[in-house]
């Protein structure tokens, strides 16, 4: 709810009136986070860090790439997020025979009006699950590029705006490579985060068996977040203070990826922006309205692992990207207070 008063906006949220000119509301965002996580934990058990990363992507207007084996809850996570906010959800199952128009929509000739009418595709939704995105051909994968970057698509020379909020959650299987097409670096770079969910512990897996004995809890999951709360939280995150020293720390990390001998390709400027935005989220999640270097360290792996390419010799040594990122961070001087 937004009310205009004396030339400025006041937002009635989080059980109290908040003036947009006041100091940012860290407590309000933490309540938003706990309410959303509490609901999602009804369907995704024992994965609080993963849920935090998903919420970070949502608050930063970013997109998410989940790379994990089948059955770990990727689809349920995306659907649960949409149901928790009460927004539209679309699942696109990518296959090699898909066409770009299967994603974006198509113009169809209407004989009665003697004109072409645009029929929107599944991309016109708030939360998009791009399931097994690497099974589609590069031509079809590219249909998402404009949507992810500019929140619009162009069909037959006409531009159509996508709804707000808009978030793509793409999945891919790290084991099966037959009949797949690797995402190009330009598209990978448009994902704010790359994460995995992982297998549950023994105790959590037994809880999953009990909770799904009669029915899947996703069917009874209710809306707990108003869209105005989400928009407010997204705006508030941008007000988290980032000092010039922390900005330089971010730039130093990115520059190190570009000069590292173990990497064939370092991170782009989008990597810097990802560290900046995710650092702001991490600061608030830790109860602060300013970013410290530790915030950047915590989000570095998820923000950068898909933006770097390891040298072939390093891959043969079975050294993964997280080890390289950690070594880079250890080699960057941490700024003083």
C-alpha atoms as a PDB file:
ATOM      1  CA  UNK A   1       0.000   0.000   0.000  1.00  0.00           C
ATOM      2  CA  UNK A   2       1.444   3.387  -0.998  1.00  0.00           C
ATOM      3  CA  UNK A   3      -0.006   6.707   0.193  1.00  0.00           C
ATOM      4  CA  UNK A   4       1.100  10.103  -1.033  1.00  0.00           C
ATOM      5  CA  UNK A   5       1.542  12.693   1.737  1.00  0.00           C
ATOM      6  CA  UNK A   6       2.929  16.237   1.424  1.00  0.00           C
ATOM      7  CA  UNK A   7       4.948  15.592  -1.706  1.00  0.00           C
ATOM      8  CA  UNK A   8       6.598  12.385  -0.519  1.00  0.00           C
ATOM      9  CA  UNK A   9       5.634   8.730  -0.369  1.00  0.00           C
ATOM     10  CA  UNK A  10       4.975   6.771   2.774  1.00  0.00           C
ATOM     11  CA  UNK A  11       4.821   2.983   2.669  1.00  0.00           C
ATOM     12  CA  UNK A  12       2.729   1.055   5.164  1.00  0.00           C
ATOM     13  CA  UNK A  13       4.525  -2.242   5.600  1.00  0.00           C
ATOM     14  CA  UNK A  14       6.012  -4.503   8.266  1.00  0.00           C
ATOM     15  CA  UNK A  15       3.451  -3.441  10.907  1.00  0.00           C
ATOM     16  CA  UNK A  16       4.559   0.193  11.036  1.00  0.00           C
ATOM     17  CA  UNK A  17       4.764   3.316   8.894  1.00  0.00           C
ATOM     18  CA  UNK A  18       8.103   3.760   7.178  1.00  0.00           C
ATOM     19  CA  UNK A  19       9.096   7.051   5.646  1.00  0.00           C
ATOM     20  CA  UNK A  20      11.192   6.529   2.521  1.00  0.00           C
ATOM     21  CA  UNK A  21      13.548   9.265   3.727  1.00  0.00           C
ATOM     22  CA  UNK A  22      14.305   7.459   6.986  1.00  0.00           C
ATOM     23  CA  UNK A  23      17.346   5.302   7.579  1.00  0.00           C
ATOM     24  CA  UNK A  24      16.938   1.975   5.783  1.00  0.00           C
ATOM     25  CA  UNK A  25      14.813  -0.626   7.541  1.00  0.00           C
ATOM     26  CA  UNK A  26      17.163  -3.573   8.206  1.00  0.00           C
ATOM     27  CA  UNK A  27      14.720  -5.106  10.678  1.00  0.00           C
ATOM     28  CA  UNK A  28      11.930  -5.013   8.108  1.00  0.00           C
ATOM     29  CA  UNK A  29      14.005  -6.851   5.498  1.00  0.00           C
ATOM     30  CA  UNK A  30      15.032  -9.469   8.061  1.00  0.00           C
ATOM     31  CA  UNK A  31      11.348 -10.042   8.880  1.00  0.00           C
ATOM     32  CA  UNK A  32      10.645 -10.363   5.151  1.00  0.00           C
ATOM     33  CA  UNK A  33      13.457 -12.909   4.832  1.00  0.00           C
ATOM     34  CA  UNK A  34      12.373 -14.987   7.835  1.00  0.00           C
ATOM     35  CA  UNK A  35       8.751 -15.043   6.697  1.00  0.00           C
ATOM     36  CA  UNK A  36       9.724 -16.212   3.218  1.00  0.00           C
ATOM     37  CA  UNK A  37      12.285 -18.767   4.430  1.00  0.00           C
ATOM     38  CA  UNK A  38       9.841 -20.105   7.019  1.00  0.00           C
ATOM     39  CA  UNK A  39       7.325 -20.806   4.274  1.00  0.00           C
ATOM     40  CA  UNK A  40       9.840 -22.300   1.846  1.00  0.00           C
ATOM     41  CA  UNK A  41      11.229 -24.597   4.542  1.00  0.00           C
ATOM     42  CA  UNK A  42       7.885 -26.400   4.503  1.00  0.00           C
ATOM     43  CA  UNK A  43       8.860 -27.813   1.103  1.00  0.00           C
ATOM     44  CA  UNK A  44      12.679 -27.503   1.034  1.00  0.00           C
ATOM     45  CA  UNK A  45      14.082 -28.992   4.237  1.00  0.00           C
ATOM     46  CA  UNK A  46      17.542 -28.397   5.705  1.00  0.00           C
ATOM     47  CA  UNK A  47      18.767 -26.012   3.001  1.00  0.00           C
ATOM     48  CA  UNK A  48      18.712 -22.595   4.656  1.00  0.00           C
ATOM     49  CA  UNK A  49      21.852 -21.363   2.864  1.00  0.00           C
ATOM     50  CA  UNK A  50      20.316 -22.267  -0.500  1.00  0.00           C
ATOM     51  CA  UNK A  51      17.101 -20.450   0.403  1.00  0.00           C
ATOM     52  CA  UNK A  52      19.124 -17.399   1.449  1.00  0.00           C
ATOM     53  CA  UNK A  53      20.847 -17.376  -1.940  1.00  0.00           C
ATOM     54  CA  UNK A  54      17.523 -17.644  -3.779  1.00  0.00           C
ATOM     55  CA  UNK A  55      16.108 -14.727  -1.780  1.00  0.00           C
ATOM     56  CA  UNK A  56      19.248 -12.711  -2.519  1.00  0.00           C
ATOM     57  CA  UNK A  57      18.660 -13.247  -6.227  1.00  0.00           C
ATOM     58  CA  UNK A  58      15.048 -12.157  -5.853  1.00  0.00           C
ATOM     59  CA  UNK A  59      15.923  -9.013  -3.870  1.00  0.00           C
ATOM     60  CA  UNK A  60      18.651  -8.047  -6.358  1.00  0.00           C
ATOM     61  CA  UNK A  61      16.387  -8.451  -9.424  1.00  0.00           C
ATOM     62  CA  UNK A  62      18.727 -11.243 -10.525  1.00  0.00           C
ATOM     63  CA  UNK A  63      18.448 -14.630 -12.205  1.00  0.00           C
ATOM     64  CA  UNK A  64      19.521 -17.975 -10.798  1.00  0.00           C
ATOM     65  CA  UNK A  65      21.290 -20.974 -12.343  1.00  0.00           C
ATOM     66  CA  UNK A  66      20.955 -24.213 -10.360  1.00  0.00           C
ATOM     67  CA  UNK A  67      23.276 -27.035 -11.358  1.00  0.00           C
ATOM     68  CA  UNK A  68      22.444 -30.271  -9.595  1.00  0.00           C
ATOM     69  CA  UNK A  69      21.340 -33.850 -10.091  1.00  0.00           C
ATOM     70  CA  UNK A  70      17.643 -34.681 -10.593  1.00  0.00           C
ATOM     71  CA  UNK A  71      15.348 -34.979  -7.591  1.00  0.00           C
ATOM     72  CA  UNK A  72      16.999 -32.466  -5.262  1.00  0.00           C
ATOM     73  CA  UNK A  73      14.055 -30.051  -5.276  1.00  0.00           C
ATOM     74  CA  UNK A  74      14.862 -27.532  -8.007  1.00  0.00           C
ATOM     75  CA  UNK A  75      11.331 -27.430  -9.430  1.00  0.00           C
ATOM     76  CA  UNK A  76       9.700 -27.364  -5.991  1.00  0.00           C
ATOM     77  CA  UNK A  77      11.975 -24.486  -4.968  1.00  0.00           C
ATOM     78  CA  UNK A  78      10.904 -22.337  -7.930  1.00  0.00           C
ATOM     79  CA  UNK A  79       7.212 -23.167  -7.560  1.00  0.00           C
ATOM     80  CA  UNK A  80       7.340 -22.640  -3.793  1.00  0.00           C
ATOM     81  CA  UNK A  81       8.883 -19.203  -4.266  1.00  0.00           C
ATOM     82  CA  UNK A  82       6.109 -18.146  -6.638  1.00  0.00           C
ATOM     83  CA  UNK A  83       3.353 -19.495  -4.365  1.00  0.00           C
ATOM     84  CA  UNK A  84       4.867 -17.780  -1.313  1.00  0.00           C
ATOM     85  CA  UNK A  85       4.518 -14.391  -3.024  1.00  0.00           C
ATOM     86  CA  UNK A  86       1.317 -15.156  -4.910  1.00  0.00           C
ATOM     87  CA  UNK A  87       2.783 -14.431  -8.338  1.00  0.00           C
ATOM     88  CA  UNK A  88       2.596 -16.262 -11.658  1.00  0.00           C
ATOM     89  CA  UNK A  89       4.786 -19.288 -12.335  1.00  0.00           C
ATOM     90  CA  UNK A  90       5.708 -20.926 -15.648  1.00  0.00           C
ATOM     91  CA  UNK A  91       7.772 -24.022 -16.273  1.00  0.00           C
ATOM     92  CA  UNK A  92       9.515 -24.412 -19.609  1.00  0.00           C
ATOM     93  CA  UNK A  93      10.886 -27.906 -20.208  1.00  0.00           C
ATOM     94  CA  UNK A  94      13.708 -27.343 -22.680  1.00  0.00           C
ATOM     95  CA  UNK A  95      14.250 -29.985 -25.374  1.00  0.00           C
ATOM     96  CA  UNK A  96      16.398 -30.086 -28.536  1.00  0.00           C
ATOM     97  CA  UNK A  97      13.369 -29.629 -30.813  1.00  0.00           C
ATOM     98  CA  UNK A  98      12.127 -26.442 -29.139  1.00  0.00           C
ATOM     99  CA  UNK A  99      11.938 -23.231 -31.156  1.00  0.00           C
ATOM    100  CA  UNK A 100      12.467 -19.675 -29.831  1.00  0.00           C
ATOM    101  CA  UNK A 101       8.767 -18.966 -30.451  1.00  0.00           C
ATOM    102  CA  UNK A 102       7.915 -21.770 -28.008  1.00  0.00           C
ATOM    103  CA  UNK A 103       9.457 -19.553 -25.332  1.00  0.00           C
ATOM    104  CA  UNK A 104       8.605 -16.016 -26.431  1.00  0.00           C
ATOM    105  CA  UNK A 105       5.271 -16.507 -28.193  1.00  0.00           C
ATOM    106  CA  UNK A 106       4.161 -16.092 -31.783  1.00  0.00           C
ATOM    107  CA  UNK A 107       2.085 -13.775 -33.987  1.00  0.00           C
ATOM    108  CA  UNK A 108      -0.953 -15.490 -35.515  1.00  0.00           C
ATOM    109  CA  UNK A 109      -3.063 -14.124 -38.351  1.00  0.00           C
ATOM    110  CA  UNK A 110      -6.663 -13.457 -37.349  1.00  0.00           C
ATOM    111  CA  UNK A 111      -8.871 -13.813 -40.400  1.00  0.00           C
ATOM    112  CA  UNK A 112     -11.820 -11.967 -38.873  1.00  0.00           C
ATOM    113  CA  UNK A 113      -9.799  -8.838 -38.044  1.00  0.00           C
ATOM    114  CA  UNK A 114      -7.370  -9.332 -40.946  1.00  0.00           C
ATOM    115  CA  UNK A 115      -4.423  -8.626 -38.706  1.00  0.00           C
ATOM    116  CA  UNK A 116      -1.741 -10.464 -36.786  1.00  0.00           C
ATOM    117  CA  UNK A 117      -2.307 -11.031 -33.064  1.00  0.00           C
ATOM    118  CA  UNK A 118       0.486 -11.775 -30.645  1.00  0.00           C
ATOM    119  CA  UNK A 119       0.006 -14.872 -28.492  1.00  0.00           C
ATOM    120  CA  UNK A 120       2.369 -14.606 -25.492  1.00  0.00           C
ATOM    121  CA  UNK A 121       4.585 -17.576 -24.673  1.00  0.00           C
ATOM    122  CA  UNK A 122       5.426 -18.972 -21.213  1.00  0.00           C
ATOM    123  CA  UNK A 123       8.142 -16.343 -20.737  1.00  0.00           C
ATOM    124  CA  UNK A 124       5.344 -13.907 -19.808  1.00  0.00           C
ATOM    125  CA  UNK A 125       5.278 -14.836 -16.152  1.00  0.00           C
ATOM    126  CA  UNK A 126       6.899 -13.690 -12.907  1.00  0.00           C
ATOM    127  CA  UNK A 127       8.923 -16.763 -11.974  1.00  0.00           C
ATOM    128  CA  UNK A 128      10.205 -18.804 -14.921  1.00  0.00           C
ATOM    129  CA  UNK A 129      11.630 -22.279 -14.376  1.00  0.00           C
ATOM    130  CA  UNK A 130      13.863 -22.956 -17.382  1.00  0.00           C
ATOM    131  CA  UNK A 131      14.216 -26.687 -16.756  1.00  0.00           C
ATOM    132  CA  UNK A 132      17.287 -28.391 -18.234  1.00  0.00           C
ATOM    133  CA  UNK A 133      18.124 -25.276 -20.187  1.00  0.00           C
ATOM    134  CA  UNK A 134      21.231 -26.853 -21.691  1.00  0.00           C
ATOM    135  CA  UNK A 135      19.096 -29.380 -23.605  1.00  0.00           C
ATOM    136  CA  UNK A 136      17.815 -26.665 -25.949  1.00  0.00           C
ATOM    137  CA  UNK A 137      19.766 -25.550 -28.998  1.00  0.00           C
ATOM    138  CA  UNK A 138      21.771 -22.299 -28.809  1.00  0.00           C
ATOM    139  CA  UNK A 139      19.141 -20.597 -30.987  1.00  0.00           C
ATOM    140  CA  UNK A 140      16.412 -21.364 -28.458  1.00  0.00           C
ATOM    141  CA  UNK A 141      18.659 -20.561 -25.487  1.00  0.00           C
ATOM    142  CA  UNK A 142      19.283 -17.133 -27.001  1.00  0.00           C
ATOM    143  CA  UNK A 143      15.551 -16.378 -26.794  1.00  0.00           C
ATOM    144  CA  UNK A 144      16.131 -15.775 -23.086  1.00  0.00           C
ATOM    145  CA  UNK A 145      18.973 -13.270 -23.526  1.00  0.00           C
ATOM    146  CA  UNK A 146      16.899 -10.156 -24.150  1.00  0.00           C
ATOM    147  CA  UNK A 147      14.347 -11.219 -21.546  1.00  0.00           C
ATOM    148  CA  UNK A 148      16.951 -11.722 -18.812  1.00  0.00           C
ATOM    149  CA  UNK A 149      18.870  -8.527 -19.499  1.00  0.00           C
ATOM    150  CA  UNK A 150      16.153  -6.033 -20.464  1.00  0.00           C
ATOM    151  CA  UNK A 151      12.935  -7.666 -19.162  1.00  0.00           C
ATOM    152  CA  UNK A 152      11.385  -7.501 -22.600  1.00  0.00           C
ATOM    153  CA  UNK A 153      11.202  -9.591 -25.764  1.00  0.00           C
ATOM    154  CA  UNK A 154      10.949  -8.610 -29.397  1.00  0.00           C
ATOM    155  CA  UNK A 155       8.784 -10.586 -31.824  1.00  0.00           C
ATOM    156  CA  UNK A 156       8.313  -9.556 -35.462  1.00  0.00           C
ATOM    157  CA  UNK A 157       9.955  -6.210 -34.695  1.00  0.00           C
ATOM    158  CA  UNK A 158       7.542  -5.372 -31.878  1.00  0.00           C
ATOM    159  CA  UNK A 159       8.827  -5.114 -28.314  1.00  0.00           C
ATOM    160  CA  UNK A 160       6.746  -6.550 -25.473  1.00  0.00           C
ATOM    161  CA  UNK A 161       7.487  -5.767 -21.820  1.00  0.00           C
ATOM    162  CA  UNK A 162       7.623  -8.618 -19.328  1.00  0.00           C
ATOM    163  CA  UNK A 163       5.817  -8.527 -15.966  1.00  0.00           C
ATOM    164  CA  UNK A 164       7.415  -7.288 -12.764  1.00  0.00           C
ATOM    165  CA  UNK A 165       8.846  -9.003 -10.775  1.00  0.00           C
ATOM    166  CA  UNK A 166      10.598 -11.200 -13.320  1.00  0.00           C
ATOM    167  CA  UNK A 167      13.087 -13.934 -12.400  1.00  0.00           C
ATOM    168  CA  UNK A 168      14.492 -16.829 -14.415  1.00  0.00           C
ATOM    169  CA  UNK A 169      15.512 -19.907 -12.433  1.00  0.00           C
ATOM    170  CA  UNK A 170      17.357 -22.182 -14.846  1.00  0.00           C
ATOM    171  CA  UNK A 171      18.458 -25.734 -14.096  1.00  0.00           C
ATOM    172  CA  UNK A 172      20.950 -28.091 -15.647  1.00  0.00           C
ATOM    173  CA  UNK A 173      22.193 -31.565 -14.849  1.00  0.00           C
ATOM    174  CA  UNK A 174      25.979 -31.695 -14.233  1.00  0.00           C
ATOM    175  CA  UNK A 175      26.165 -35.417 -14.998  1.00  0.00           C
ATOM    176  CA  UNK A 176      24.333 -35.937 -18.292  1.00  0.00           C
ATOM    177  CA  UNK A 177      26.097 -34.296 -21.229  1.00  0.00           C
ATOM    178  CA  UNK A 178      24.721 -36.375 -24.113  1.00  0.00           C
ATOM    179  CA  UNK A 179      22.337 -34.307 -26.219  1.00  0.00           C
ATOM    180  CA  UNK A 180      23.119 -31.064 -24.401  1.00  0.00           C
ATOM    181  CA  UNK A 181      24.454 -27.688 -25.517  1.00  0.00           C
ATOM    182  CA  UNK A 182      26.695 -25.732 -23.165  1.00  0.00           C
ATOM    183  CA  UNK A 183      25.411 -22.271 -22.348  1.00  0.00           C
ATOM    184  CA  UNK A 184      27.569 -19.579 -23.973  1.00  0.00           C
ATOM    185  CA  UNK A 185      29.572 -17.299 -21.697  1.00  0.00           C
ATOM    186  CA  UNK A 186      27.405 -14.313 -22.662  1.00  0.00           C
ATOM    187  CA  UNK A 187      24.327 -16.084 -21.313  1.00  0.00           C
ATOM    188  CA  UNK A 188      26.015 -17.502 -18.218  1.00  0.00           C
ATOM    189  CA  UNK A 189      27.125 -13.978 -17.368  1.00  0.00           C
ATOM    190  CA  UNK A 190      23.496 -12.879 -17.134  1.00  0.00           C
ATOM    191  CA  UNK A 191      22.841 -15.133 -14.167  1.00  0.00           C
ATOM    192  CA  UNK A 192      23.452 -13.337 -10.896  1.00  0.00           C
ATOM    193  CA  UNK A 193      24.147 -16.581  -9.035  1.00  0.00           C
ATOM    194  CA  UNK A 194      25.078 -20.164  -9.764  1.00  0.00           C
ATOM    195  CA  UNK A 195      24.284 -22.569  -6.938  1.00  0.00           C
ATOM    196  CA  UNK A 196      23.689 -26.216  -6.143  1.00  0.00           C
ATOM    197  CA  UNK A 197      21.164 -27.716  -3.735  1.00  0.00           C
ATOM    198  CA  UNK A 198      22.851 -30.996  -2.841  1.00  0.00           C
ATOM    199  CA  UNK A 199      21.589 -34.136  -1.184  1.00  0.00           C
ATOM    200  CA  UNK A 200      19.900 -33.917   2.217  1.00  0.00           C
ATOM    201  CA  UNK A 201      21.358 -35.446   5.381  1.00  0.00           C
ATOM    202  CA  UNK A 202      19.993 -38.787   6.602  1.00  0.00           C
ATOM    203  CA  UNK A 203      17.787 -37.134   9.214  1.00  0.00           C
ATOM    204  CA  UNK A 204      16.413 -34.579   6.769  1.00  0.00           C
ATOM    205  CA  UNK A 205      15.707 -37.293   4.217  1.00  0.00           C
ATOM    206  CA  UNK A 206      13.681 -39.228   6.799  1.00  0.00           C
ATOM    207  CA  UNK A 207      11.737 -36.017   7.490  1.00  0.00           C
ATOM    208  CA  UNK A 208      11.031 -35.727   3.765  1.00  0.00           C
ATOM    209  CA  UNK A 209       9.591 -39.248   3.752  1.00  0.00           C
ATOM    210  CA  UNK A 210       7.299 -38.422   6.677  1.00  0.00           C
ATOM    211  CA  UNK A 211       6.128 -35.066   5.296  1.00  0.00           C
ATOM    212  CA  UNK A 212       5.231 -36.561   1.911  1.00  0.00           C
ATOM    213  CA  UNK A 213       3.575 -39.718   3.260  1.00  0.00           C
ATOM    214  CA  UNK A 214       0.063 -38.540   2.368  1.00  0.00           C
ATOM    215  CA  UNK A 215       0.590 -35.600   0.049  1.00  0.00           C
ATOM    216  CA  UNK A 216       3.301 -33.192  -1.076  1.00  0.00           C
ATOM    217  CA  UNK A 217       3.300 -30.043   1.116  1.00  0.00           C
ATOM    218  CA  UNK A 218       3.704 -27.864  -1.993  1.00  0.00           C
ATOM    219  CA  UNK A 219      -0.032 -28.347  -2.675  1.00  0.00           C
ATOM    220  CA  UNK A 220      -0.981 -26.625   0.581  1.00  0.00           C
ATOM    221  CA  UNK A 221       1.705 -23.930   0.507  1.00  0.00           C
ATOM    222  CA  UNK A 222       0.123 -20.523   0.998  1.00  0.00           C
ATOM    223  CA  UNK A 223       0.995 -16.950   0.132  1.00  0.00           C
ATOM    224  CA  UNK A 224       2.876 -15.167   2.936  1.00  0.00           C
ATOM    225  CA  UNK A 225       4.395 -12.150   1.144  1.00  0.00           C
ATOM    226  CA  UNK A 226       2.575  -9.229  -0.446  1.00  0.00           C
ATOM    227  CA  UNK A 227       4.011  -7.891  -3.692  1.00  0.00           C
ATOM    228  CA  UNK A 228       4.377  -4.451  -2.061  1.00  0.00           C
ATOM    229  CA  UNK A 229       6.605  -5.985   0.615  1.00  0.00           C
ATOM    230  CA  UNK A 230       8.841  -7.476  -2.065  1.00  0.00           C
ATOM    231  CA  UNK A 231       9.095  -4.194  -3.976  1.00  0.00           C
ATOM    232  CA  UNK A 232       9.883  -2.312  -0.773  1.00  0.00           C
ATOM    233  CA  UNK A 233      12.594  -4.788   0.223  1.00  0.00           C
ATOM    234  CA  UNK A 234      14.134  -4.631  -3.269  1.00  0.00           C
ATOM    235  CA  UNK A 235      14.304  -0.847  -3.076  1.00  0.00           C
ATOM    236  CA  UNK A 236      15.701  -0.863   0.468  1.00  0.00           C
ATOM    237  CA  UNK A 237      18.567  -3.224  -0.431  1.00  0.00           C
ATOM    238  CA  UNK A 238      19.895  -0.582  -2.815  1.00  0.00           C
ATOM    239  CA  UNK A 239      20.344   1.824   0.093  1.00  0.00           C
ATOM    240  CA  UNK A 240      22.879  -0.380   1.916  1.00  0.00           C
ATOM    241  CA  UNK A 241      26.092   1.637   2.237  1.00  0.00           C
ATOM    242  CA  UNK A 242      29.151   0.430   0.327  1.00  0.00           C
ATOM    243  CA  UNK A 243      32.312   2.401   1.134  1.00  0.00           C
ATOM    244  CA  UNK A 244      34.920   3.316  -1.463  1.00  0.00           C
ATOM    245  CA  UNK A 245      37.345   0.879   0.224  1.00  0.00           C
ATOM    246  CA  UNK A 246      34.940  -2.017  -0.206  1.00  0.00           C
ATOM    247  CA  UNK A 247      34.282  -0.962  -3.803  1.00  0.00           C
ATOM    248  CA  UNK A 248      38.028  -1.101  -4.426  1.00  0.00           C
ATOM    249  CA  UNK A 249      38.164  -4.510  -2.727  1.00  0.00           C
ATOM    250  CA  UNK A 250      35.525  -5.765  -5.191  1.00  0.00           C
ATOM    251  CA  UNK A 251      37.448  -4.351  -8.152  1.00  0.00           C
ATOM    252  CA  UNK A 252      40.704  -5.895  -6.892  1.00  0.00           C
ATOM    253  CA  UNK A 253      39.090  -9.348  -6.699  1.00  0.00           C
ATOM    254  CA  UNK A 254      37.707  -9.074 -10.226  1.00  0.00           C
ATOM    255  CA  UNK A 255      41.065  -7.848 -11.578  1.00  0.00           C
ATOM    256  CA  UNK A 256      42.786 -10.820  -9.956  1.00  0.00           C
ATOM    257  CA  UNK A 257      40.492 -13.210 -11.859  1.00  0.00           C
ATOM    258  CA  UNK A 258      41.571 -11.567 -15.110  1.00  0.00           C
ATOM    259  CA  UNK A 259      45.280 -11.915 -14.325  1.00  0.00           C
ATOM    260  CA  UNK A 260      45.246 -15.354 -12.711  1.00  0.00           C
ATOM    261  CA  UNK A 261      47.381 -17.901 -14.586  1.00  0.00           C
ATOM    262  CA  UNK A 262      44.987 -20.726 -13.714  1.00  0.00           C
ATOM    263  CA  UNK A 263      42.131 -19.030 -15.546  1.00  0.00           C
ATOM    264  CA  UNK A 264      41.573 -18.846 -19.287  1.00  0.00           C
ATOM    265  CA  UNK A 265      38.891 -16.169 -18.773  1.00  0.00           C
ATOM    266  CA  UNK A 266      38.256 -13.891 -15.809  1.00  0.00           C
ATOM    267  CA  UNK A 267      35.092 -12.235 -14.604  1.00  0.00           C
ATOM    268  CA  UNK A 268      33.378  -9.421 -16.520  1.00  0.00           C
ATOM    269  CA  UNK A 269      32.121  -6.103 -15.069  1.00  0.00           C
ATOM    270  CA  UNK A 270      28.850  -7.927 -14.389  1.00  0.00           C
ATOM    271  CA  UNK A 271      30.876  -9.900 -11.860  1.00  0.00           C
ATOM    272  CA  UNK A 272      31.734  -6.667 -10.054  1.00  0.00           C
ATOM    273  CA  UNK A 273      28.078  -5.643 -10.017  1.00  0.00           C
ATOM    274  CA  UNK A 274      27.080  -9.084  -8.747  1.00  0.00           C
ATOM    275  CA  UNK A 275      29.528  -8.863  -5.826  1.00  0.00           C
ATOM    276  CA  UNK A 276      28.305  -5.339  -5.083  1.00  0.00           C
ATOM    277  CA  UNK A 277      24.581  -6.212  -5.018  1.00  0.00           C
ATOM    278  CA  UNK A 278      24.968  -9.542  -3.265  1.00  0.00           C
ATOM    279  CA  UNK A 279      27.281  -7.943  -0.723  1.00  0.00           C
ATOM    280  CA  UNK A 280      24.511  -5.474   0.100  1.00  0.00           C
ATOM    281  CA  UNK A 281      22.085  -8.368   0.648  1.00  0.00           C
ATOM    282  CA  UNK A 282      24.545 -10.301   2.784  1.00  0.00           C
ATOM    283  CA  UNK A 283      25.151  -7.248   4.965  1.00  0.00           C
ATOM    284  CA  UNK A 284      21.426  -6.889   5.692  1.00  0.00           C
ATOM    285  CA  UNK A 285      21.073 -10.627   6.333  1.00  0.00           C
ATOM    286  CA  UNK A 286      23.826 -10.206   8.934  1.00  0.00           C
ATOM    287  CA  UNK A 287      21.937  -7.289  10.495  1.00  0.00           C
ATOM    288  CA  UNK A 288      23.930  -4.358   9.095  1.00  0.00           C
ATOM    289  CA  UNK A 289      23.180  -1.443   6.778  1.00  0.00           C
ATOM    290  CA  UNK A 290      26.756  -1.285   5.488  1.00  0.00           C
ATOM    291  CA  UNK A 291      28.958  -3.781   3.638  1.00  0.00           C
ATOM    292  CA  UNK A 292      32.220  -5.202   5.008  1.00  0.00           C
ATOM    293  CA  UNK A 293      34.796  -7.373   3.169  1.00  0.00           C
ATOM    294  CA  UNK A 294      33.496 -10.532   4.850  1.00  0.00           C
ATOM    295  CA  UNK A 295      30.164 -10.020   3.081  1.00  0.00           C
ATOM    296  CA  UNK A 296      31.953 -10.065  -0.264  1.00  0.00           C
ATOM    297  CA  UNK A 297      33.855 -13.216   0.687  1.00  0.00           C
ATOM    298  CA  UNK A 298      30.636 -15.039   1.586  1.00  0.00           C
ATOM    299  CA  UNK A 299      28.984 -14.408  -1.785  1.00  0.00           C
ATOM    300  CA  UNK A 300      32.058 -14.617  -4.035  1.00  0.00           C
ATOM    301  CA  UNK A 301      31.778 -18.281  -5.023  1.00  0.00           C
ATOM    302  CA  UNK A 302      28.086 -18.115  -6.004  1.00  0.00           C
ATOM    303  CA  UNK A 303      28.616 -14.833  -7.874  1.00  0.00           C
ATOM    304  CA  UNK A 304      31.769 -15.763  -9.790  1.00  0.00           C
ATOM    305  CA  UNK A 305      31.939 -19.534 -10.362  1.00  0.00           C
ATOM    306  CA  UNK A 306      30.033 -19.318 -13.659  1.00  0.00           C
ATOM    307  CA  UNK A 307      31.894 -16.227 -14.880  1.00  0.00           C
ATOM    308  CA  UNK A 308      35.370 -17.760 -14.999  1.00  0.00           C
ATOM    309  CA  UNK A 309      36.866 -20.454 -17.244  1.00  0.00           C
ATOM    310  CA  UNK A 310      39.644 -22.667 -15.913  1.00  0.00           C
ATOM    311  CA  UNK A 311      42.704 -23.489 -17.965  1.00  0.00           C
ATOM    312  CA  UNK A 312      42.573 -27.032 -19.423  1.00  0.00           C
ATOM    313  CA  UNK A 313      45.615 -28.050 -17.376  1.00  0.00           C
ATOM    314  CA  UNK A 314      43.838 -27.012 -14.158  1.00  0.00           C
ATOM    315  CA  UNK A 315      40.705 -28.977 -15.066  1.00  0.00           C
ATOM    316  CA  UNK A 316      42.848 -32.069 -15.648  1.00  0.00           C
ATOM    317  CA  UNK A 317      44.101 -31.713 -12.074  1.00  0.00           C
ATOM    318  CA  UNK A 318      40.465 -31.852 -10.934  1.00  0.00           C
ATOM    319  CA  UNK A 319      40.768 -28.480  -9.192  1.00  0.00           C
ATOM    320  CA  UNK A 320      37.353 -26.864  -9.112  1.00  0.00           C
ATOM    321  CA  UNK A 321      36.384 -23.224  -9.555  1.00  0.00           C
ATOM    322  CA  UNK A 322      35.629 -22.689  -5.860  1.00  0.00           C
ATOM    323  CA  UNK A 323      39.220 -23.515  -4.929  1.00  0.00           C
ATOM    324  CA  UNK A 324      40.504 -21.011  -7.495  1.00  0.00           C
ATOM    325  CA  UNK A 325      38.110 -18.297  -6.289  1.00  0.00           C
ATOM    326  CA  UNK A 326      39.120 -18.926  -2.677  1.00  0.00           C
ATOM    327  CA  UNK A 327      42.812 -18.678  -3.588  1.00  0.00           C
ATOM    328  CA  UNK A 328      42.175 -15.401  -5.418  1.00  0.00           C
ATOM    329  CA  UNK A 329      40.355 -13.900  -2.427  1.00  0.00           C
ATOM    330  CA  UNK A 330      43.125 -14.997  -0.080  1.00  0.00           C
ATOM    331  CA  UNK A 331      45.594 -13.126  -2.291  1.00  0.00           C
ATOM    332  CA  UNK A 332      43.686  -9.815  -2.211  1.00  0.00           C
ATOM    333  CA  UNK A 333      44.518  -7.407   0.582  1.00  0.00           C
ATOM    334  CA  UNK A 334      41.550  -6.745   2.862  1.00  0.00           C
ATOM    335  CA  UNK A 335      40.988  -2.996   3.331  1.00  0.00           C
ATOM    336  CA  UNK A 336      41.099  -1.462   6.790  1.00  0.00           C
ATOM    337  CA  UNK A 337      38.120   0.208   8.489  1.00  0.00           C
END
